[in-house]
Each structure stands twice: as C-alpha cells, then as structure tokens.
Amino acid sequence: MSIQNTKNLSCIIIGASHAGVNCAFALRKEGWEGSITLFDSDPILPYHRPPLSKTYLTNTDEIEKNILKSSEAYAKSEITLQLGVKVKAIHPNEKSIVLESGDIQFYDKLVLATGARALIPPILGIDSAINLFPMRTATDSNNIRTTFHKLKNKRVVVIGGGYIGLETAASLRKLGATVTILEREDRILSRVTVPEMSDFFSQLHHNNGVNIFSHKNVVSIHGSDRHNIIQCDDGSSYIADMIIVGVGIRVNQELAQEAGLEIENGIKVNPSSQTSDENIYAIGDCTFHYNPHYDCYVRLENVQNAVDQAKNAAAAICKKDAIYDTIPWFWSDQYDVKLQMVGLSKAHNEILIRKEIAKSNCFSVWYFKDEQLLAVDAINNGKAYVLGTKFIKSGQLINKSKLIDSSSEFNPTNLTSE
C-alpha cells in the first residue's frame, strides 16, 4: 500500500489519551486520507494527564480547561470520537473489532493505545474502605478533590511512595491535609532512583509536614462510616479519612493478548511500533519496545514516549521511514521543586552528584556505566537536564572531576576538556 491510495481505507485507534489522540492527528499530517475513528471507554473529552496529581487537583478548573484538543479540532481533521465506548474483542483474521454493544467495526489498520490502569492491591477489606481512590484518570482526580473538600477531618494516607503518590501527597498537603505516606520498601522511589534522591524527597516532604514511613506493608483496611483504620504487618495502624492508592499500574494488554498478539511486559512492538500482526500497531504505556540507544527493550509510562510513538506509528502506517530512537525523559513537580530526568539509569555502575553552591535545592545526579553517561536527574536545574540530554545523545565523554567540581564552569566545552 502506498500513501496515495488510503482514501477508502479505515484506521481504528483504541484508546484516546495522549498516544491515541496524537496518533490520529499525526496520521492526517502524514497524509492519511481514509477514515480515522478513536474509541475510548472514558466518556470525557481526551485530556492532559500529568496535571491531574498536581495543579488540577489543587484548583477548581473543570477538565474542559485541560483537554488535549477541542471538539472542533477533531471535526476539522475528520477524526471521529467514540467516547464512553468499550471495545470487547479484536479479530485480526477478519480485521475487525467488537464493541461491548455487540457492534462490529472493520479496519484496515488498527492502533492499540490502551495504556494502563491503576493497580488496586489485594488488601483485606479494601473493597469496603471509604473514600479510597487511585490517581489515574480525570474521574479519579475529580473524586478526590470533591470528596476532600467535604471532609470534616482531612487525614489522608497515601499507600505507595512512587511519583504519583508523592505528587498527590504534595498537592493535598497544599490544600491543608494531614498526610501520611506508607511505603512497603525501605525507601520511597526505591524502584526508580538512587538513595540520595530518595533522601532528598523524603526530607522535602518532611519539611512540608508530611509523615513518611517505610517498611510498611499494609495488610488490612477497616472502613466505618467515619474513617478507615489501616493495619500494617508490623502491628502499626493509621487512621485515614481518605486513602490514596499509588502502588503501580496494570498494563491494559488483555485485548491484545486475547487477539493472539505477542506479549512481553506489555504489547511487544518493532521499531516501527508494529505488533506481531502487520496490520496492528501499539503505542504508549502499553508497549514493550526496543530502544536502540540503550540496546534493550523497555516499557515506559510517560507522556513523551506516548507522543513520540504515536508519531512513529503514524509515519509507519503511511509507509514512511519510521524507526523509534528517542532518549526518554520525564518530570515531576512537588511543592517548589521540579525534577527533570533524561535517559535510562538501570545499567549504571557509578553515580556522580553535582551541587550548585549558589542555589539551594539545586543539584543533579549523573548516572554512568564506566565512561558512558546513561541518565541525569536534575533538581531545579534545567541546565543540567539540557546538558545531560546533549551528552547522552552525542556520546561525548565527560570530565568527571570537573563535573562534580561546583566551582568549575558548567558548560559543554569545559566538561569535555581535559
């Protein structure tokens, strides 16, 4: 198929968050002339997700102020939105999908942007807990802020010390909540960063009045009409008027798995975002994809990856050269701190920390595998983030002694000179 003869063809996209929406518009930009239909079980016009645990939670804006595209934009690009509609099955041999209503839709190309859902752990009594919410969707965020403002007492317990839990804790603390974080591991952020960064964020939350307890494995929750009692396996207990669950996600891979697509830590795709079926592509949080820069397969849960893969898949569907080769990046806002991360640090065997003497709460963590820079975590330091991105992409060797010398000029020329 060439891009010149797509007028009578159909592309269906399942999932209308960042990946799905960006793919639909990218298809039009790449020259797809056929029909494009977006299905999503969420009835709300597609919206930005990162603010949900941050600014959206602390203000009174309606979700309409946070949408990805206006209704008019979809109409103008002849993209059909089918919101509040759940897809029940995919039949690759017939090139069709089955909706929960029983209706059948046929496609020439199918894109899976099914994302992930919040993991609700199998804690005894969790189903009967009151005012318990995950933080994943606009509905979750709306429920949290609406319920929170109705509470007489505002004792909030966050189960899980990952970024979503920490961001939500910071936002609710700003609103006046008494916040406690229960982390099962020995430190917060233990799966994603080094102890030095965990210590920084622990201190940051402590300074803002949040209590963080590690080694806390929640085993039961008893909910009454007034509050919840959370019991941990070490015998400790905590009272909560509201509980936020932030212990991770589940990939929405069931449709793909039942359709016989290859699954490995998500929906496995090639460098063109193509699944094991040549007519089906997958993008965003649900994918397990190859990153050539790090020579490994990864699954990433961030907006940048969703947008980049969306554009990659659109180009591939339109028969254009499309090889996914992006350096991952991510950010988190908590109180007056901005964390910017670039790269993948998993294979590191050395970390170096540069502190900026002239500024408080301004430093960066540099992850190396021998002499190769793998990743950078920058706290209130946009320059470190930009330089780290530049060095990772170029593969330039860095003078490590100058990197950690806070009195040494922080620029590319100086850091690469002997």
Protein backbone atom coordinates (compact mmCIF):
# COMPACT_ATOMS: atom_id res chain seq x y z
CA MET A 1 0.00 0.00 0.00
CA SER A 2 1.24 3.49 -0.78
CA ILE A 3 0.07 6.64 0.94
CA GLN A 4 -1.62 7.78 -2.30
CA ASN A 5 -4.45 5.22 -2.06
CA THR A 6 -5.70 5.45 1.52
CA LYS A 7 -8.90 7.34 0.75
CA ASN A 8 -11.17 4.33 1.11
CA LEU A 9 -9.28 2.76 3.99
CA SER A 10 -10.10 2.75 7.69
CA CYS A 11 -7.85 3.24 10.70
CA ILE A 12 -9.25 2.48 14.13
CA ILE A 13 -7.45 3.61 17.28
CA ILE A 14 -8.38 2.06 20.62
CA GLY A 15 -7.54 4.48 23.40
CA ALA A 16 -7.94 8.26 23.31
CA SER A 17 -5.34 9.57 25.70
CA HIS A 18 -2.02 11.19 24.73
CA ALA A 19 -0.88 8.34 22.47
CA GLY A 20 -4.15 7.72 20.65
CA VAL A 21 -5.06 11.37 20.10
CA ASN A 22 -1.59 12.32 18.88
CA CYS A 23 -1.55 9.34 16.53
CA ALA A 24 -4.88 10.36 14.99
CA PHE A 25 -3.70 13.89 14.23
CA ALA A 26 -0.26 12.67 13.12
CA LEU A 27 -1.94 10.35 10.62
CA ARG A 28 -3.64 13.32 9.00
CA LYS A 29 -0.35 15.22 8.96
CA GLU A 30 1.39 12.27 7.29
CA GLY A 31 -1.25 12.18 4.56
CA TRP A 32 -3.73 9.52 5.63
CA GLU A 33 -6.96 10.30 3.75
CA GLY A 34 -9.11 7.43 4.96
CA SER A 35 -11.39 7.37 7.98
CA ILE A 36 -9.97 7.62 11.50
CA THR A 37 -12.04 6.53 14.49
CA LEU A 38 -10.96 6.83 18.12
CA PHE A 39 -12.63 4.59 20.71
CA ASP A 40 -12.26 5.11 24.45
CA SER A 41 -14.21 3.85 27.45
CA ASP A 42 -13.68 7.19 29.21
CA PRO A 43 -16.67 9.43 28.37
CA ILE A 44 -14.69 12.65 28.91
CA LEU A 45 -13.16 14.58 26.01
CA PRO A 46 -9.46 13.50 25.95
CA TYR A 47 -7.39 15.48 28.45
CA HIS A 48 -3.85 16.10 29.71
CA ARG A 49 -2.98 13.61 32.44
CA PRO A 50 0.19 15.00 34.15
CA PRO A 51 -1.66 17.88 35.88
CA LEU A 52 -4.18 15.52 37.48
CA SER A 53 -1.99 14.87 40.54
CA LYS A 54 -0.58 18.40 40.54
CA THR A 55 -2.22 21.70 39.59
CA TYR A 56 -5.59 20.24 38.56
CA LEU A 57 -6.02 18.68 41.98
CA THR A 58 -5.38 21.95 43.80
CA ASN A 59 -7.54 24.30 41.74
CA THR A 60 -11.21 24.45 40.77
CA ASP A 61 -10.83 24.29 36.99
CA GLU A 62 -13.12 21.99 35.08
CA ILE A 63 -11.50 19.30 32.97
CA GLU A 64 -12.55 21.20 29.84
CA LYS A 65 -9.71 23.64 30.55
CA ASN A 66 -7.32 20.72 30.44
CA ILE A 67 -8.29 19.00 27.18
CA LEU A 68 -5.80 17.81 24.55
CA LYS A 69 -7.82 19.09 21.57
CA SER A 70 -11.12 20.87 21.18
CA SER A 71 -14.17 19.11 19.73
CA GLU A 72 -13.83 21.41 16.74
CA ALA A 73 -10.27 20.22 16.10
CA TYR A 74 -11.42 16.61 15.76
CA ALA A 75 -14.23 17.64 13.43
CA LYS A 76 -11.92 19.79 11.32
CA SER A 77 -9.50 16.88 10.87
CA GLU A 78 -12.36 14.45 10.24
CA ILE A 79 -11.48 12.32 13.24
CA THR A 80 -14.46 10.50 14.74
CA LEU A 81 -14.52 10.28 18.54
CA GLN A 82 -16.43 7.38 20.11
CA LEU A 83 -16.21 8.14 23.83
CA GLY A 84 -17.70 6.05 26.60
CA VAL A 85 -17.47 3.05 24.27
CA LYS A 86 -15.66 -0.11 25.33
CA VAL A 87 -14.03 -2.50 22.86
CA LYS A 88 -14.68 -6.11 23.83
CA ALA A 89 -12.57 -8.04 21.32
CA ILE A 90 -10.23 -7.87 18.34
CA HIS A 91 -10.42 -10.39 15.49
CA PRO A 92 -7.21 -9.99 13.45
CA ASN A 93 -8.18 -12.54 10.79
CA GLU A 94 -11.36 -10.63 9.99
CA LYS A 95 -9.65 -7.26 10.66
CA SER A 96 -12.47 -6.28 12.94
CA ILE A 97 -13.19 -5.20 16.48
CA VAL A 98 -16.27 -6.00 18.55
CA LEU A 99 -17.76 -3.33 20.78
CA GLU A 100 -19.38 -4.10 24.14
CA SER A 101 -22.73 -3.36 22.47
CA GLY A 102 -22.06 -6.21 20.03
CA ASP A 103 -21.49 -3.90 17.08
CA ILE A 104 -18.67 -4.88 14.73
CA GLN A 105 -16.28 -2.36 13.19
CA PHE A 106 -13.84 -3.24 10.40
CA TYR A 107 -10.39 -1.75 9.95
CA ASP A 108 -7.52 -1.75 7.51
CA LYS A 109 -5.09 -0.57 10.17
CA LEU A 110 -5.58 -0.82 13.93
CA VAL A 111 -3.66 1.10 16.61
CA LEU A 112 -3.72 -0.03 20.23
CA ALA A 113 -3.21 2.87 22.63
CA THR A 114 -4.85 1.08 25.52
CA GLY A 115 -2.50 2.42 28.19
CA ALA A 116 -2.66 1.14 31.73
CA ARG A 117 -4.88 1.26 34.78
CA ALA A 118 -4.16 1.82 38.45
CA LEU A 119 -3.25 -1.30 40.40
CA ILE A 120 -5.52 -1.90 43.37
CA PRO A 121 -3.66 -4.32 45.65
CA PRO A 122 -5.44 -7.32 47.22
CA ILE A 123 -5.55 -5.86 50.73
CA LEU A 124 -8.08 -7.37 53.10
CA GLY A 125 -11.07 -5.02 53.43
CA ILE A 126 -10.00 -2.66 50.66
CA ASP A 127 -13.36 -3.05 48.88
CA SER A 128 -15.24 -1.74 51.92
CA ALA A 129 -12.90 1.19 52.63
CA ILE A 130 -14.48 4.63 52.46
CA ASN A 131 -13.09 7.50 50.40
CA LEU A 132 -10.42 5.33 48.80
CA PHE A 133 -9.18 6.42 45.38
CA PRO A 134 -6.44 5.68 42.87
CA MET A 135 -4.94 8.57 40.87
CA ARG A 136 -5.04 7.77 37.18
CA THR A 137 -7.95 9.47 35.43
CA ALA A 138 -9.83 12.77 35.48
CA THR A 139 -12.64 10.96 37.29
CA ASP A 140 -10.18 9.89 39.99
CA SER A 141 -8.85 13.43 40.42
CA ASN A 142 -12.37 14.91 40.44
CA ASN A 143 -13.50 12.38 43.04
CA ILE A 144 -10.50 13.10 45.24
CA ARG A 145 -10.85 16.87 45.25
CA THR A 146 -14.66 16.82 45.59
CA THR A 147 -14.56 14.36 48.49
CA PHE A 148 -11.61 16.08 50.14
CA HIS A 149 -13.37 19.42 50.42
CA LYS A 150 -16.38 17.72 52.07
CA LEU A 151 -14.30 16.05 54.78
CA LYS A 152 -14.56 17.41 58.30
CA ASN A 153 -11.25 15.85 59.23
CA LYS A 154 -8.66 15.74 56.47
CA ARG A 155 -6.36 12.90 57.47
CA VAL A 156 -5.04 11.40 54.25
CA VAL A 157 -2.96 8.24 53.98
CA VAL A 158 -1.14 7.58 50.72
CA ILE A 159 -0.27 3.93 50.17
CA GLY A 160 2.83 3.88 47.97
CA GLY A 161 5.80 6.23 47.73
CA GLY A 162 6.23 6.49 43.97
CA TYR A 163 5.98 9.70 41.95
CA ILE A 164 2.19 9.68 41.68
CA GLY A 165 1.82 9.11 45.41
CA LEU A 166 4.32 11.84 46.24
CA GLU A 167 2.78 14.35 43.83
CA THR A 168 -0.70 13.69 45.19
CA ALA A 169 0.60 13.98 48.75
CA ALA A 170 2.21 17.34 47.96
CA SER A 171 -0.98 18.65 46.35
CA LEU A 172 -3.22 17.57 49.23
CA ARG A 173 -0.77 18.97 51.75
CA LYS A 174 -1.03 22.33 49.98
CA LEU A 175 -4.79 22.09 50.50
CA GLY A 176 -4.29 21.64 54.24
CA ALA A 177 -4.46 17.88 54.65
CA THR A 178 -2.63 15.93 57.29
CA VAL A 179 -0.73 13.50 55.08
CA THR A 180 0.98 10.20 55.84
CA ILE A 181 2.78 8.10 53.23
CA LEU A 182 3.17 4.35 53.79
CA GLU A 183 5.90 2.76 51.67
CA ARG A 184 6.41 -1.01 51.62
CA GLU A 185 10.08 -0.86 50.59
CA ASP A 186 12.98 0.53 52.63
CA ARG A 187 12.71 3.96 50.97
CA ILE A 188 10.41 5.95 48.70
CA LEU A 189 11.16 5.85 44.95
CA SER A 190 13.29 2.76 45.53
CA ARG A 191 12.47 1.24 42.13
CA VAL A 192 13.24 4.32 40.07
CA THR A 193 16.10 6.28 41.63
CA VAL A 194 19.13 6.17 43.92
CA PRO A 195 19.08 6.54 47.72
CA GLU A 196 20.40 10.11 47.54
CA MET A 197 17.37 11.20 45.54
CA SER A 198 15.02 9.26 47.82
CA ASP A 199 16.58 11.01 50.82
CA PHE A 200 16.10 14.41 49.18
CA PHE A 201 12.41 13.86 48.53
CA SER A 202 11.87 12.35 51.97
CA GLN A 203 13.36 15.47 53.54
CA LEU A 204 11.38 17.72 51.19
CA HIS A 205 8.09 16.14 52.28
CA HIS A 206 9.15 16.12 55.93
CA ASN A 207 9.91 19.85 55.71
CA ASN A 208 6.40 20.37 54.35
CA GLY A 209 4.74 18.45 57.16
CA VAL A 210 4.24 15.04 55.54
CA ASN A 211 4.97 11.91 57.53
CA ILE A 212 6.72 9.13 55.60
CA PHE A 213 7.06 5.63 56.98
CA SER A 214 9.00 2.91 55.16
CA HIS A 215 8.87 -0.88 55.64
CA LYS A 216 5.09 -0.53 55.94
CA ASN A 217 3.25 -3.42 54.32
CA VAL A 218 -0.49 -2.75 54.55
CA VAL A 219 -2.38 -5.97 55.30
CA SER A 220 -5.90 -4.79 56.06
CA ILE A 221 -8.23 -1.81 55.98
CA HIS A 222 -11.29 -1.50 58.19
CA GLY A 223 -13.75 1.13 56.99
CA SER A 224 -16.51 2.60 59.13
CA ASP A 225 -18.96 5.38 58.40
CA ARG A 226 -16.46 7.88 59.86
CA HIS A 227 -12.97 6.81 58.82
CA ASN A 228 -10.64 3.95 57.92
CA ILE A 229 -8.17 2.09 60.09
CA ILE A 230 -5.17 0.87 58.12
CA GLN A 231 -3.28 -2.04 59.62
CA CYS A 232 0.32 -2.95 58.71
CA ASP A 233 2.05 -6.28 59.19
CA ASP A 234 4.36 -4.84 61.86
CA GLY A 235 1.36 -4.14 64.10
CA SER A 236 1.19 -0.41 63.45
CA SER A 237 -2.09 1.22 62.44
CA TYR A 238 -3.15 4.54 60.93
CA ILE A 239 -6.44 6.42 60.80
CA ALA A 240 -7.46 7.84 57.42
CA ASP A 241 -10.44 9.91 56.36
CA MET A 242 -9.21 9.43 52.80
CA ILE A 243 -6.88 6.85 51.24
CA ILE A 244 -4.92 7.34 48.02
CA VAL A 245 -3.59 4.16 46.42
CA GLY A 246 -0.44 4.69 44.38
CA VAL A 247 1.29 1.32 44.21
CA GLY A 248 1.70 0.98 40.46
CA ILE A 249 -0.22 0.12 37.32
CA ARG A 250 -1.53 -2.79 35.29
CA VAL A 251 -0.94 -2.71 31.54
CA ASN A 252 -4.15 -2.90 29.52
CA GLN A 253 -2.92 -5.76 27.36
CA GLU A 254 -5.86 -8.15 27.61
CA LEU A 255 -7.39 -7.23 24.23
CA ALA A 256 -4.06 -7.76 22.52
CA GLN A 257 -3.36 -10.99 24.37
CA GLU A 258 -6.75 -12.48 23.55
CA ALA A 259 -6.21 -11.49 19.91
CA GLY A 260 -3.03 -13.59 19.86
CA LEU A 261 -0.53 -10.72 19.66
CA GLU A 262 2.93 -11.20 21.16
CA ILE A 263 3.03 -10.10 24.79
CA GLU A 264 6.15 -9.50 26.87
CA ASN A 265 5.92 -6.98 29.69
CA GLY A 266 3.27 -5.28 27.60
CA ILE A 267 2.43 -5.45 23.89
CA LYS A 268 5.70 -6.15 22.09
CA VAL A 269 6.35 -3.94 19.06
CA ASN A 270 9.11 -3.48 16.50
CA PRO A 271 10.97 -0.18 15.86
CA SER A 272 8.03 0.97 13.73
CA SER A 273 5.55 0.39 16.59
CA GLN A 274 4.16 -2.62 14.71
CA THR A 275 2.93 -5.64 16.68
CA SER A 276 3.28 -9.27 15.65
CA ASP A 277 0.33 -8.64 13.32
CA GLU A 278 1.35 -6.47 10.36
CA ASN A 279 -1.91 -4.53 10.40
CA ILE A 280 -1.91 -3.76 14.11
CA TYR A 281 0.28 -1.17 15.84
CA ALA A 282 0.65 -0.36 19.53
CA ILE A 283 1.82 2.84 21.20
CA GLY A 284 2.27 4.40 24.62
CA ASP A 285 2.23 2.92 28.12
CA CYS A 286 1.04 -0.49 26.94
CA THR A 287 4.06 -1.22 24.72
CA PHE A 288 7.29 -3.12 25.23
CA HIS A 289 9.60 -1.58 22.65
CA TYR A 290 13.24 -1.61 21.66
CA ASN A 291 15.42 1.39 22.41
CA PRO A 292 18.49 1.30 20.14
CA HIS A 293 20.43 3.86 22.16
CA TYR A 294 20.41 1.56 25.22
CA ASP A 295 20.22 -1.69 23.24
CA CYS A 296 17.34 -3.07 25.30
CA TYR A 297 13.58 -3.46 25.37
CA VAL A 298 11.72 -1.17 27.74
CA ARG A 299 8.20 -0.23 28.73
CA LEU A 300 7.83 3.45 29.58
CA GLU A 301 4.97 5.13 31.39
CA ASN A 302 5.22 8.75 30.35
CA VAL A 303 3.66 11.29 28.01
CA GLN A 304 6.82 11.88 25.97
CA ASN A 305 7.03 8.23 24.95
CA ALA A 306 3.31 8.16 24.13
CA VAL A 307 3.59 11.18 21.83
CA ASP A 308 6.79 10.00 20.14
CA GLN A 309 5.46 6.52 19.49
CA ALA A 310 2.21 8.00 18.19
CA LYS A 311 4.11 9.95 15.53
CA ASN A 312 6.28 6.93 14.79
CA ALA A 313 3.28 4.66 14.21
CA ALA A 314 1.51 7.25 12.06
CA ALA A 315 4.53 7.57 9.79
CA ALA A 316 4.89 3.78 9.54
CA ILE A 317 1.20 3.32 8.70
CA CYS A 318 1.65 5.87 5.93
CA LYS A 319 4.59 3.85 4.55
CA LYS A 320 7.25 6.36 5.56
CA ASP A 321 10.56 5.57 7.22
CA ALA A 322 9.86 5.26 10.91
CA ILE A 323 12.39 3.99 13.43
CA TYR A 324 11.79 4.79 17.08
CA ASP A 325 15.02 6.11 18.59
CA THR A 326 14.26 8.53 21.40
CA ILE A 327 16.03 9.33 24.65
CA PRO A 328 13.33 9.03 27.33
CA TRP A 329 12.60 11.98 29.59
CA PHE A 330 10.24 12.59 32.46
CA TRP A 331 9.43 15.24 35.06
CA SER A 332 7.77 15.62 38.45
CA ASP A 333 6.59 18.75 40.29
CA GLN A 334 6.36 18.67 44.09
CA TYR A 335 5.97 21.86 46.14
CA ASP A 336 8.55 24.32 44.73
CA VAL A 337 10.75 21.55 43.33
CA LYS A 338 10.94 20.48 39.71
CA LEU A 339 12.62 17.16 38.95
CA GLN A 340 13.64 16.58 35.33
CA MET A 341 15.02 13.20 34.29
CA VAL A 342 16.52 12.12 31.00
CA GLY A 343 17.83 8.72 29.95
CA LEU A 344 17.64 5.24 31.45
CA SER A 345 19.77 4.67 34.53
CA LYS A 346 19.11 0.98 35.14
CA ALA A 347 22.52 -0.33 33.95
CA HIS A 348 24.64 2.26 35.79
CA ASN A 349 27.65 1.27 37.89
CA GLU A 350 28.62 4.74 39.09
CA ILE A 351 26.78 7.87 40.14
CA LEU A 352 28.18 11.37 40.49
CA ILE A 353 26.43 14.27 42.16
CA ARG A 354 26.95 17.90 41.25
CA LYS A 355 25.70 20.52 43.70
CA GLU A 356 25.21 24.13 42.71
CA ILE A 357 26.60 26.13 45.63
CA ALA A 358 24.93 29.40 44.69
CA LYS A 359 21.42 27.91 44.74
CA SER A 360 19.56 25.96 47.39
CA ASN A 361 17.81 22.74 46.40
CA CYS A 362 19.67 22.74 43.10
CA PHE A 363 21.72 19.69 42.17
CA SER A 364 21.94 16.88 39.66
CA VAL A 365 22.66 13.15 39.74
CA TRP A 366 24.65 11.74 36.81
CA TYR A 367 24.48 8.01 36.08
CA PHE A 368 27.41 6.34 34.31
CA LYS A 369 28.22 2.89 33.03
CA ASP A 370 32.00 3.13 33.11
CA GLU A 371 32.63 6.23 30.97
CA GLN A 372 29.26 6.28 29.21
CA LEU A 373 26.66 8.71 30.53
CA LEU A 374 23.31 6.91 30.79
CA ALA A 375 21.00 9.34 32.56
CA VAL A 376 20.66 12.55 34.55
CA ASP A 377 18.24 13.50 37.30
CA ALA A 378 18.13 17.29 37.77
CA ILE A 379 16.57 19.07 40.74
CA ASN A 380 15.63 22.68 39.96
CA ASN A 381 18.39 22.62 37.39
CA GLY A 382 17.23 22.97 33.81
CA LYS A 383 20.80 23.48 32.64
CA ALA A 384 21.90 20.07 33.93
CA TYR A 385 18.91 18.49 32.22
CA VAL A 386 19.72 20.17 28.88
CA LEU A 387 23.44 19.35 29.10
CA GLY A 388 22.72 15.78 30.15
CA THR A 389 20.42 15.31 27.16
CA LYS A 390 23.11 16.69 24.85
CA PHE A 391 25.83 14.42 26.23
CA ILE A 392 23.66 11.29 26.20
CA LYS A 393 22.69 11.84 22.57
CA SER A 394 26.23 12.66 21.40
CA GLY A 395 28.03 10.02 23.44
CA GLN A 396 30.74 12.54 24.34
CA LEU A 397 32.99 11.60 27.23
CA ILE A 398 32.69 13.83 30.28
CA ASN A 399 35.49 15.02 32.53
CA LYS A 400 34.12 13.59 35.76
CA SER A 401 36.35 15.62 38.09
CA LYS A 402 35.13 18.85 36.53
CA LEU A 403 31.54 17.62 36.60
CA ILE A 404 31.47 17.26 40.38
CA ASP A 405 33.52 20.43 41.00
CA SER A 406 30.88 23.03 41.77
CA SER A 407 33.39 25.82 41.19
CA SER A 408 34.09 24.54 37.69
CA GLU A 409 32.18 26.23 34.88
CA PHE A 410 29.13 24.23 33.92
CA ASN A 411 29.17 24.16 30.11
CA PRO A 412 29.78 21.58 27.35
CA THR A 413 33.25 22.81 26.44
CA ASN A 414 34.56 22.75 29.98
CA LEU A 415 33.02 19.42 30.91
CA THR A 416 34.53 17.64 27.90
CA SER A 417 38.01 19.17 28.14
CA GLU A 418 40.94 17.50 29.86
